[in-house]
């Protein structure tokens, strides 16, 4: 009886492997051809990276891309044009001529060709030999997405402020949800971590950070959306705001316990001071990396599951990867809120440690 059941299990397991085994039996030449046709790594990096145009779908002439302003500062002054002016040269590089200068868009990094150069020359490591990068102040996809988030925040908070000016007893709809979130940040984050006396001073920052991260995370889940908080420069900037607040609002007790701890032997104090200073630096670094890594990982997992369909070219794989991708997408809705909460909570905690008043006996 046991052998009969084991045989059934083995047969069922073998049947589930048939689609994979049939794919593995393809000729090597066809596999190499498929790899040339679809590059999963390139696709994933393209979708999670920043760009000078907001691409939604399609390729080449069949694509739908919203052009964005390109703003460059060169030795000859300011140069502006739309990203749609970039076109391909014979080697596939994105080039544009403006005011007697030639600019090349290489992997979404804009270079200015040397005077007299007709085309971009790359070395063995694919770095330009005859071009330099000008100062780039362009409105990229991530910048445009952040501006959209700012507009949304101005609209919803203007509506909430208008409601309070009318002194209505109970808000309704969107105002009710916003008020609940504001109270949540105040009562569950700011007050417990910073303290009753000083929490109101930091409420504008905490509310701004919480709603900015949450809204950008939600917008990032839409098709064709920008991966804003999955950009290390964005999370670095957010973490630096927290770092500045810690440094400039730290009281005497905070700096005394950081630089010259009381009750510690004198010869140990310099060593502990170095450790404490490193700790102050690593706190915003942890905020930066945590937000960046979690948001980027979610996007990569979803894109990888979808990419399996095109790599394996199997309907059976699609039947598995699509439901998993949908599940991860729904889970990302929770992650979008959770990451905003964690970043705000830890920022409040670090600020609270800096402004805490110690009892002296």
Protein backbone atom coordinates (compact mmCIF):
# COMPACT_ATOMS: atom_id res chain seq x y z
CA UNK A 1 0.00 0.00 0.00
CA UNK A 2 2.81 2.39 0.86
CA UNK A 3 4.61 1.56 -2.39
CA UNK A 4 1.40 2.19 -4.35
CA UNK A 5 0.93 5.63 -2.77
CA UNK A 6 4.58 6.49 -3.36
CA UNK A 7 4.21 5.53 -7.02
CA UNK A 8 1.21 7.87 -7.36
CA UNK A 9 3.16 10.72 -5.80
CA UNK A 10 6.12 10.15 -8.12
CA UNK A 11 3.86 10.05 -11.20
CA UNK A 12 2.04 13.25 -10.16
CA UNK A 13 5.35 15.01 -9.55
CA UNK A 14 6.68 13.89 -12.93
CA UNK A 15 3.58 15.22 -14.69
CA UNK A 16 4.08 18.63 -13.10
CA UNK A 17 7.63 18.71 -14.46
CA UNK A 18 6.66 17.88 -18.04
CA UNK A 19 6.33 21.55 -19.18
CA UNK A 20 9.75 22.35 -17.75
CA UNK A 21 11.33 19.21 -19.20
CA UNK A 22 9.80 19.87 -22.61
CA UNK A 23 11.24 23.38 -22.60
CA UNK A 24 14.64 22.08 -21.50
CA UNK A 25 14.67 19.72 -24.48
CA UNK A 26 14.80 22.62 -26.98
CA UNK A 27 17.88 22.96 -29.11
CA UNK A 28 20.74 25.08 -27.79
CA UNK A 29 20.57 27.41 -30.79
CA UNK A 30 16.98 28.37 -30.05
CA UNK A 31 17.85 29.09 -26.42
CA UNK A 32 20.66 31.41 -27.43
CA UNK A 33 18.33 33.15 -29.87
CA UNK A 34 15.73 33.66 -27.13
CA UNK A 35 18.36 35.18 -24.86
CA UNK A 36 19.25 37.65 -27.58
CA UNK A 37 15.63 38.58 -28.13
CA UNK A 38 14.77 39.17 -24.46
CA UNK A 39 17.15 40.41 -21.78
CA UNK A 40 15.44 40.22 -18.40
CA UNK A 41 18.18 42.17 -16.60
CA UNK A 42 18.01 45.02 -19.09
CA UNK A 43 14.20 45.10 -18.84
CA UNK A 44 14.21 45.22 -15.03
CA UNK A 45 16.93 47.88 -14.79
CA UNK A 46 15.10 49.98 -17.39
CA UNK A 47 11.85 49.92 -15.40
CA UNK A 48 13.30 50.62 -11.96
CA UNK A 49 15.77 53.26 -13.19
CA UNK A 50 15.29 56.96 -13.86
CA UNK A 51 15.01 58.37 -17.39
CA UNK A 52 14.76 61.67 -19.28
CA UNK A 53 11.45 60.66 -20.86
CA UNK A 54 8.41 59.06 -19.23
CA UNK A 55 8.04 55.78 -21.14
CA UNK A 56 4.80 53.82 -20.75
CA UNK A 57 4.80 51.03 -23.34
CA UNK A 58 6.05 49.94 -26.74
CA UNK A 59 9.36 50.23 -28.54
CA UNK A 60 10.77 52.68 -31.10
CA UNK A 61 8.03 54.24 -33.28
CA UNK A 62 5.28 52.18 -31.62
CA UNK A 63 6.11 53.41 -28.12
CA UNK A 64 4.23 55.95 -26.03
CA UNK A 65 6.62 58.27 -24.18
CA UNK A 66 5.94 61.65 -22.61
CA UNK A 67 8.92 63.96 -23.34
CA UNK A 68 10.39 65.83 -20.39
CA UNK A 69 12.54 69.00 -20.27
CA UNK A 70 16.31 68.50 -20.54
CA UNK A 71 18.19 71.29 -18.72
CA UNK A 72 21.98 71.30 -19.04
CA UNK A 73 24.61 73.77 -17.89
CA UNK A 74 27.75 73.72 -20.05
CA UNK A 75 30.84 75.88 -20.44
CA UNK A 76 28.88 77.86 -23.03
CA UNK A 77 25.92 78.47 -20.72
CA UNK A 78 22.47 76.99 -20.24
CA UNK A 79 21.06 74.60 -22.85
CA UNK A 80 17.45 73.41 -22.81
CA UNK A 81 15.42 71.14 -25.08
CA UNK A 82 12.86 68.34 -24.83
CA UNK A 83 13.94 64.74 -24.46
CA UNK A 84 11.98 63.87 -27.62
CA UNK A 85 14.73 65.56 -29.69
CA UNK A 86 17.09 62.68 -28.98
CA UNK A 87 17.46 60.34 -31.95
CA UNK A 88 19.66 57.35 -32.78
CA UNK A 89 22.92 57.55 -34.68
CA UNK A 90 24.46 54.67 -36.66
CA UNK A 91 25.74 53.04 -33.47
CA UNK A 92 22.44 53.29 -31.61
CA UNK A 93 23.36 56.20 -29.34
CA UNK A 94 20.83 58.92 -28.52
CA UNK A 95 22.21 62.20 -29.91
CA UNK A 96 20.99 65.77 -30.34
CA UNK A 97 22.59 68.90 -31.78
CA UNK A 98 21.90 72.19 -30.01
CA UNK A 99 23.59 75.60 -30.26
CA UNK A 100 26.57 74.13 -32.10
CA UNK A 101 27.05 71.40 -29.49
CA UNK A 102 26.34 67.68 -29.69
CA UNK A 103 24.88 65.80 -26.75
CA UNK A 104 24.61 62.05 -26.35
CA UNK A 105 22.19 60.14 -24.14
CA UNK A 106 24.06 57.00 -23.09
CA UNK A 107 22.06 54.80 -20.72
CA UNK A 108 20.11 57.88 -19.52
CA UNK A 109 23.32 59.79 -18.76
CA UNK A 110 23.85 62.84 -20.97
CA UNK A 111 27.35 63.58 -22.27
CA UNK A 112 28.62 66.53 -24.30
CA UNK A 113 30.89 65.54 -27.17
CA UNK A 114 34.26 67.26 -27.47
CA UNK A 115 34.44 70.08 -30.06
CA UNK A 116 34.76 68.61 -33.57
CA UNK A 117 33.67 65.11 -32.52
CA UNK A 118 31.02 63.59 -34.77
CA UNK A 119 30.21 60.49 -32.78
CA UNK A 120 30.71 58.99 -29.33
CA UNK A 121 33.74 56.75 -28.89
CA UNK A 122 33.72 54.20 -26.07
CA UNK A 123 36.69 52.48 -24.48
CA UNK A 124 36.92 48.80 -23.58
CA UNK A 125 34.86 49.40 -20.43
CA UNK A 126 32.11 51.22 -22.39
CA UNK A 127 33.04 54.63 -20.97
CA UNK A 128 33.12 57.68 -23.27
CA UNK A 129 36.59 58.73 -24.41
CA UNK A 130 35.65 61.95 -26.22
CA UNK A 131 32.83 63.36 -24.08
CA UNK A 132 32.22 64.87 -20.66
CA UNK A 133 29.08 65.16 -18.57
CA UNK A 134 27.65 68.68 -18.19
CA UNK A 135 25.71 69.73 -15.10
CA UNK A 136 22.33 68.07 -15.51
CA UNK A 137 19.29 69.80 -13.96
CA UNK A 138 16.75 67.99 -16.13
CA UNK A 139 13.19 67.18 -15.10
CA UNK A 140 13.52 63.41 -15.19
CA UNK A 141 10.79 60.84 -14.63
CA UNK A 142 11.48 60.64 -10.90
CA UNK A 143 11.49 64.43 -10.55
CA UNK A 144 8.20 64.68 -12.44
CA UNK A 145 6.70 61.98 -10.20
CA UNK A 146 7.81 63.87 -7.08
CA UNK A 147 6.23 67.06 -8.41
CA UNK A 148 2.98 65.15 -8.97
CA UNK A 149 3.16 63.91 -5.37
CA UNK A 150 3.69 67.47 -4.13
CA UNK A 151 0.65 68.67 -6.10
CA UNK A 152 -1.47 65.85 -4.67
CA UNK A 153 -0.34 66.68 -1.14
CA UNK A 154 -1.12 70.38 -1.62
CA UNK A 155 -4.60 69.56 -2.88
CA UNK A 156 -5.59 67.08 -0.17
CA UNK A 157 -4.18 69.13 2.70
CA UNK A 158 -5.76 72.30 1.34
CA UNK A 159 -9.09 70.50 1.44
CA UNK A 160 -8.41 69.37 5.01
CA UNK A 161 -7.41 72.90 6.08
CA UNK A 162 -10.54 74.28 4.44
CA UNK A 163 -12.61 71.81 6.45
CA UNK A 164 -11.08 72.99 9.74
CA UNK A 165 -11.62 76.63 8.84
CA UNK A 166 -15.33 75.88 8.50
CA UNK A 167 -15.19 74.28 11.99
CA UNK A 168 -17.30 71.33 10.94
CA UNK A 169 -17.92 68.81 13.71
CA UNK A 170 -17.24 65.57 11.83
CA UNK A 171 -15.36 65.34 8.53
CA UNK A 172 -16.60 63.08 5.76
CA UNK A 173 -15.02 61.04 3.01
CA UNK A 174 -11.42 61.96 2.17
CA UNK A 175 -11.16 64.48 5.01
CA UNK A 176 -12.14 61.79 7.49
CA UNK A 177 -9.39 59.46 6.23
CA UNK A 178 -6.79 62.25 6.26
CA UNK A 179 -7.71 63.30 9.79
CA UNK A 180 -7.38 59.69 10.96
CA UNK A 181 -3.89 59.45 9.44
CA UNK A 182 -2.81 62.79 10.90
CA UNK A 183 -4.00 61.71 14.36
CA UNK A 184 -2.22 58.38 13.86
CA UNK A 185 1.10 60.12 13.16
CA UNK A 186 0.56 62.46 16.11
CA UNK A 187 -0.60 59.99 18.77
CA UNK A 188 1.23 56.79 17.72
CA UNK A 189 4.48 58.18 16.35
CA UNK A 190 5.32 61.74 17.43
CA UNK A 191 4.07 61.82 21.02
CA UNK A 192 5.50 58.47 22.23
CA UNK A 193 8.89 58.94 20.55
CA UNK A 194 9.58 62.67 21.03
CA UNK A 195 7.58 63.49 24.13
CA UNK A 196 4.58 65.60 25.05
CA UNK A 197 6.50 68.86 25.38
CA UNK A 198 8.37 68.94 22.05
CA UNK A 199 6.49 66.75 19.59
CA UNK A 200 4.51 69.60 17.99
CA UNK A 201 7.72 71.25 16.76
CA UNK A 202 8.47 68.25 14.53
CA UNK A 203 4.94 67.38 13.42
CA UNK A 204 5.17 69.28 10.08
CA UNK A 205 8.29 67.31 9.13
CA UNK A 206 6.91 63.95 10.23
CA UNK A 207 3.59 64.47 8.42
CA UNK A 208 5.37 65.61 5.25
CA UNK A 209 7.74 62.63 5.23
CA UNK A 210 4.97 60.13 6.00
CA UNK A 211 2.58 61.29 3.28
CA UNK A 212 5.33 61.92 0.72
CA UNK A 213 6.72 58.38 1.04
CA UNK A 214 3.27 56.77 1.19
CA UNK A 215 1.86 58.59 -1.84
CA UNK A 216 4.98 58.08 -3.97
CA UNK A 217 4.98 54.39 -3.07
CA UNK A 218 1.33 54.06 -4.11
CA UNK A 219 1.91 55.95 -7.37
CA UNK A 220 4.90 53.70 -8.05
CA UNK A 221 2.60 50.68 -8.21
CA UNK A 222 0.68 52.07 -11.19
CA UNK A 223 1.58 50.80 -14.70
CA UNK A 224 4.42 52.85 -16.18
CA UNK A 225 4.93 54.77 -12.95
CA UNK A 226 8.27 56.01 -11.59
CA UNK A 227 10.24 54.17 -8.93
CA UNK A 228 10.86 57.25 -6.76
CA UNK A 229 11.68 55.80 -3.34
CA UNK A 230 13.60 53.03 -5.11
CA UNK A 231 16.13 55.70 -6.08
CA UNK A 232 19.02 55.91 -3.61
CA UNK A 233 19.38 59.68 -4.20
CA UNK A 234 15.80 60.28 -3.04
CA UNK A 235 16.10 58.15 0.10
CA UNK A 236 19.48 59.77 0.83
CA UNK A 237 17.88 63.23 0.68
CA UNK A 238 15.05 62.18 3.00
CA UNK A 239 17.52 60.66 5.46
CA UNK A 240 19.64 63.83 5.38
CA UNK A 241 16.66 65.88 6.55
CA UNK A 242 16.40 63.63 9.59
CA UNK A 243 20.17 63.88 10.15
CA UNK A 244 20.07 67.69 10.04
CA UNK A 245 17.20 67.77 12.55
CA UNK A 246 19.12 65.47 14.88
CA UNK A 247 22.32 67.54 14.71
CA UNK A 248 20.75 71.00 15.05
CA UNK A 249 18.13 70.09 17.65
CA UNK A 250 20.31 67.96 19.90
CA UNK A 251 20.38 69.48 23.38
CA UNK A 252 23.31 69.82 25.76
CA UNK A 253 22.64 66.46 27.39
CA UNK A 254 22.63 64.72 23.99
CA UNK A 255 25.98 66.15 22.92
CA UNK A 256 27.46 65.67 26.39
CA UNK A 257 26.54 61.98 26.38
CA UNK A 258 27.81 61.71 22.81
CA UNK A 259 31.15 63.48 22.99
CA UNK A 260 32.17 63.29 26.68
CA UNK A 261 30.07 60.77 28.57
CA UNK A 262 29.75 61.37 32.34
CA UNK A 263 30.67 58.62 34.73
CA UNK A 264 33.16 57.00 32.31
CA UNK A 265 36.95 56.79 32.81
CA UNK A 266 38.68 59.65 30.97
CA UNK A 267 40.90 57.45 28.78
CA UNK A 268 37.80 55.59 27.47
CA UNK A 269 35.81 58.71 26.59
CA UNK A 270 37.58 59.52 23.26
CA UNK A 271 37.01 55.96 22.04
CA UNK A 272 33.32 56.01 22.96
CA UNK A 273 32.97 59.48 21.41
CA UNK A 274 34.14 58.09 18.05
CA UNK A 275 31.69 55.19 18.36
CA UNK A 276 28.83 57.57 19.19
CA UNK A 277 29.62 59.85 16.25
CA UNK A 278 29.64 56.83 13.93
CA UNK A 279 26.28 55.88 15.44
CA UNK A 280 24.83 59.30 14.58
CA UNK A 281 25.94 58.84 10.97
CA UNK A 282 24.69 55.26 10.65
CA UNK A 283 21.19 56.16 11.82
CA UNK A 284 20.23 58.12 8.69
CA UNK A 285 22.21 55.61 6.61
CA UNK A 286 19.95 52.86 7.94
CA UNK A 287 16.89 54.93 7.03
CA UNK A 288 18.23 55.47 3.52
CA UNK A 289 19.13 51.84 2.79
CA UNK A 290 16.02 50.29 4.37
CA UNK A 291 13.56 52.33 2.31
CA UNK A 292 15.57 51.98 -0.91
CA UNK A 293 16.12 48.22 -0.56
CA UNK A 294 12.55 47.29 0.35
CA UNK A 295 10.88 49.29 -2.42
CA UNK A 296 13.40 48.21 -5.07
CA UNK A 297 13.14 44.56 -4.04
CA UNK A 298 9.36 44.59 -4.49
CA UNK A 299 9.61 45.99 -8.02
CA UNK A 300 12.35 43.54 -8.99
CA UNK A 301 10.35 40.54 -7.74
CA UNK A 302 7.26 41.54 -9.73
CA UNK A 303 9.25 42.22 -12.90
CA UNK A 304 11.19 38.97 -12.50
CA UNK A 305 7.99 36.94 -12.23
CA UNK A 306 6.61 38.58 -15.38
CA UNK A 307 9.95 38.14 -17.14
CA UNK A 308 9.82 34.38 -16.59
CA UNK A 309 6.97 34.21 -19.09
CA UNK A 310 9.14 35.65 -21.87
CA UNK A 311 12.25 33.72 -20.87
CA UNK A 312 10.57 30.30 -20.74
CA UNK A 313 7.86 31.05 -23.33
CA UNK A 314 5.44 28.69 -21.59
CA UNK A 315 1.74 29.12 -20.88
CA UNK A 316 2.21 26.93 -17.83
CA UNK A 317 4.74 29.35 -16.41
CA UNK A 318 2.37 32.25 -17.05
CA UNK A 319 -0.32 30.44 -15.08
CA UNK A 320 1.98 30.43 -12.06
CA UNK A 321 3.96 33.66 -12.39
CA UNK A 322 1.00 35.98 -13.07
CA UNK A 323 -0.96 35.01 -9.90
CA UNK A 324 2.26 35.34 -7.87
CA UNK A 325 2.94 38.76 -9.43
CA UNK A 326 -0.60 39.87 -8.58
CA UNK A 327 -0.15 38.63 -5.02
CA UNK A 328 3.14 40.53 -4.63
CA UNK A 329 1.49 43.64 -6.12
CA UNK A 330 -1.28 43.47 -3.52
CA UNK A 331 1.34 42.90 -0.82
CA UNK A 332 3.15 46.02 -2.06
CA UNK A 333 0.09 48.07 -1.06
CA UNK A 334 0.83 47.09 2.53
CA UNK A 335 4.56 47.63 2.06
CA UNK A 336 3.90 51.14 0.69
CA UNK A 337 2.23 52.13 3.97
CA UNK A 338 4.56 50.10 6.16
CA UNK A 339 7.72 51.71 4.77
CA UNK A 340 6.27 55.19 5.24
CA UNK A 341 5.37 54.27 8.82
CA UNK A 342 8.80 52.76 9.60
CA UNK A 343 10.73 55.72 8.14
CA UNK A 344 8.60 58.20 10.09
CA UNK A 345 8.73 56.15 13.28
CA UNK A 346 12.52 55.79 13.25
CA UNK A 347 12.98 59.46 12.37
CA UNK A 348 10.82 60.42 15.34
CA UNK A 349 12.76 57.99 17.55
CA UNK A 350 16.15 59.42 16.54
CA UNK A 351 14.93 62.99 17.00
CA UNK A 352 13.42 62.08 20.36
CA UNK A 353 16.76 60.72 21.56
CA UNK A 354 18.42 64.00 20.56
CA UNK A 355 15.94 66.29 22.34
CA UNK A 356 15.29 64.14 25.41
CA UNK A 357 15.86 65.92 28.69
CA UNK A 358 17.78 63.84 31.22
CA UNK A 359 17.15 64.04 34.95
CA UNK A 360 20.14 65.28 36.92
CA UNK A 361 20.59 64.20 40.52
